[in-house]
Amino acid sequence: MNRDDVITLCLDLARAEETYTFGDGVAVFKVGGRMFALVNLGDGPGVVNLKCDPARALELREAYAGIRPGYHQDKRHWNSVDLDGSVEDDLVRELVEDSYDLVVARLPRAVRDTLGDRPSGG
């Protein structure tokens, strides 16, 4: 999964918004005003920062060289995932969706109710 695939996946999630909170070099994806993914737009294959359950974050970091503590994020709750093919596409997709779900779960009920159902496949 490359950078463009991840951006498309993020934008396909219900009510996801692409912003540039940290400048032109990082696409920030939000739902309900809260970040769930940050995609580095610089040179190279790219990196995406994703929110993750802390216990699972540790397991993933041990299992994959392409998953590290989140760059410039709370390292307990965020992972940086390399988009160089070292992490399987299905896992990257799952991690994006999990990050989105973690953020949605913490939104006020009134905001969650406006999101509707996620598209099938997620």
Protein backbone atom coordinates (compact mmCIF):
# COMPACT_ATOMS: atom_id res chain seq x y z
CA MET A 1 0.00 0.00 0.00
CA ASN A 2 1.50 3.31 -1.01
CA ARG A 3 0.90 6.86 0.20
CA ASP A 4 -1.86 7.55 -2.34
CA ASP A 5 -3.66 4.34 -1.36
CA VAL A 6 -3.59 5.36 2.31
CA ILE A 7 -4.88 8.85 1.52
CA THR A 8 -7.74 7.37 -0.52
CA LEU A 9 -8.55 4.89 2.25
CA CYS A 10 -8.64 7.67 4.86
CA LEU A 11 -10.92 9.83 2.72
CA ASP A 12 -13.28 6.89 2.09
CA LEU A 13 -14.09 6.67 5.81
CA ALA A 14 -17.32 8.35 6.94
CA ARG A 15 -16.96 12.12 7.46
CA ALA A 16 -13.16 12.03 7.24
CA GLU A 17 -11.53 15.36 6.44
CA GLU A 18 -8.09 16.11 5.00
CA THR A 19 -6.39 19.10 6.61
CA TYR A 20 -2.90 20.58 6.71
CA THR A 21 -2.65 21.46 10.39
CA PHE A 22 1.15 21.12 10.41
CA GLY A 23 1.89 22.65 7.00
CA ASP A 24 1.98 21.41 3.42
CA GLY A 25 4.26 18.46 4.15
CA VAL A 26 1.80 16.45 6.24
CA ALA A 27 -1.77 15.51 5.34
CA VAL A 28 -3.77 15.26 8.57
CA PHE A 29 -6.95 13.20 8.52
CA LYS A 30 -9.61 13.97 11.09
CA VAL A 31 -13.06 12.76 12.04
CA GLY A 32 -15.21 14.88 14.32
CA GLY A 33 -12.32 17.35 14.54
CA ARG A 34 -9.86 14.76 15.93
CA MET A 35 -6.84 13.28 14.19
CA PHE A 36 -6.75 9.62 13.23
CA ALA A 37 -3.97 9.63 10.60
CA LEU A 38 -1.04 11.79 9.55
CA VAL A 39 0.59 11.08 6.19
CA ASN A 40 4.06 12.44 5.45
CA LEU A 41 4.07 13.93 1.94
CA GLY A 42 7.85 14.27 1.64
CA ASP A 43 10.22 12.31 -0.56
CA GLY A 44 10.43 8.56 -0.39
CA PRO A 45 7.74 5.92 -0.04
CA GLY A 46 6.05 7.67 2.86
CA VAL A 47 5.01 7.07 6.44
CA VAL A 48 1.62 7.20 8.13
CA ASN A 49 1.12 7.86 11.84
CA LEU A 50 -1.88 6.01 13.27
CA LYS A 51 -3.54 5.83 16.65
CA CYS A 52 -3.34 2.36 18.21
CA ASP A 53 -4.30 0.52 21.37
CA PRO A 54 -1.15 0.72 23.56
CA ALA A 55 -0.79 -3.04 24.08
CA ARG A 56 -1.25 -3.77 20.38
CA ALA A 57 1.14 -0.95 19.49
CA LEU A 58 3.92 -2.71 21.40
CA GLU A 59 3.13 -6.07 19.77
CA LEU A 60 3.22 -4.53 16.29
CA ARG A 61 6.53 -2.79 16.93
CA GLU A 62 8.08 -6.09 18.00
CA ALA A 63 6.70 -7.95 14.97
CA TYR A 64 7.47 -5.41 12.21
CA ALA A 65 10.60 -3.39 11.53
CA GLY A 66 8.38 -0.98 9.54
CA ILE A 67 6.29 -0.05 12.61
CA ARG A 68 7.82 2.28 15.19
CA PRO A 69 6.64 4.60 17.98
CA GLY A 70 4.75 7.54 16.47
CA TYR A 71 7.03 10.31 15.25
CA HIS A 72 6.18 13.54 17.10
CA GLN A 73 3.15 11.84 18.69
CA ASP A 74 2.31 10.27 22.05
CA LYS A 75 4.45 7.16 21.65
CA ARG A 76 2.13 5.10 23.84
CA HIS A 77 -0.90 5.63 21.59
CA TRP A 78 0.57 6.26 18.11
CA ASN A 79 2.66 4.22 15.66
CA SER A 80 4.54 5.32 12.56
CA VAL A 81 4.03 2.79 9.76
CA ASP A 82 6.40 2.73 6.78
CA LEU A 83 4.70 2.58 3.39
CA ASP A 84 7.62 0.81 1.72
CA GLY A 85 6.02 -2.63 1.43
CA SER A 86 7.52 -3.94 4.68
CA VAL A 87 4.04 -4.03 6.25
CA GLU A 88 1.37 -6.02 4.37
CA ASP A 89 -1.36 -4.00 2.64
CA ASP A 90 -4.13 -5.77 4.59
CA LEU A 91 -2.47 -4.87 7.89
CA VAL A 92 -1.98 -1.22 6.88
CA ARG A 93 -5.67 -1.08 5.89
CA GLU A 94 -6.67 -2.66 9.21
CA LEU A 95 -4.50 -0.22 11.18
CA VAL A 96 -6.00 2.81 9.40
CA GLU A 97 -9.52 1.55 10.12
CA ASP A 98 -8.63 0.73 13.74
CA SER A 99 -7.20 4.22 14.23
CA TYR A 100 -10.38 5.77 12.84
CA ASP A 101 -12.53 3.52 15.07
CA LEU A 102 -10.52 4.42 18.19
CA VAL A 103 -11.03 8.13 17.53
CA VAL A 104 -14.73 7.73 16.70
CA ALA A 105 -15.28 5.77 19.93
CA ARG A 106 -14.02 8.78 21.93
CA LEU A 107 -16.22 11.33 20.19
CA PRO A 108 -19.33 12.64 21.94
CA ARG A 109 -22.40 10.52 21.14
CA ALA A 110 -24.06 13.40 19.27
CA VAL A 111 -21.09 13.59 16.90
CA ARG A 112 -20.88 9.79 16.50
CA ASP A 113 -24.57 9.69 15.60
CA THR A 114 -23.94 12.03 12.65
CA LEU A 115 -21.31 9.70 11.15
CA GLY A 116 -23.69 6.96 10.04
CA ASP A 117 -22.46 3.50 9.17
CA ARG A 118 -19.00 2.95 7.79
CA PRO A 119 -18.80 1.79 4.18
CA SER A 120 -18.89 -2.00 3.75
CA GLY A 121 -15.49 -3.64 3.93
CA GLY A 122 -14.53 -1.64 7.01
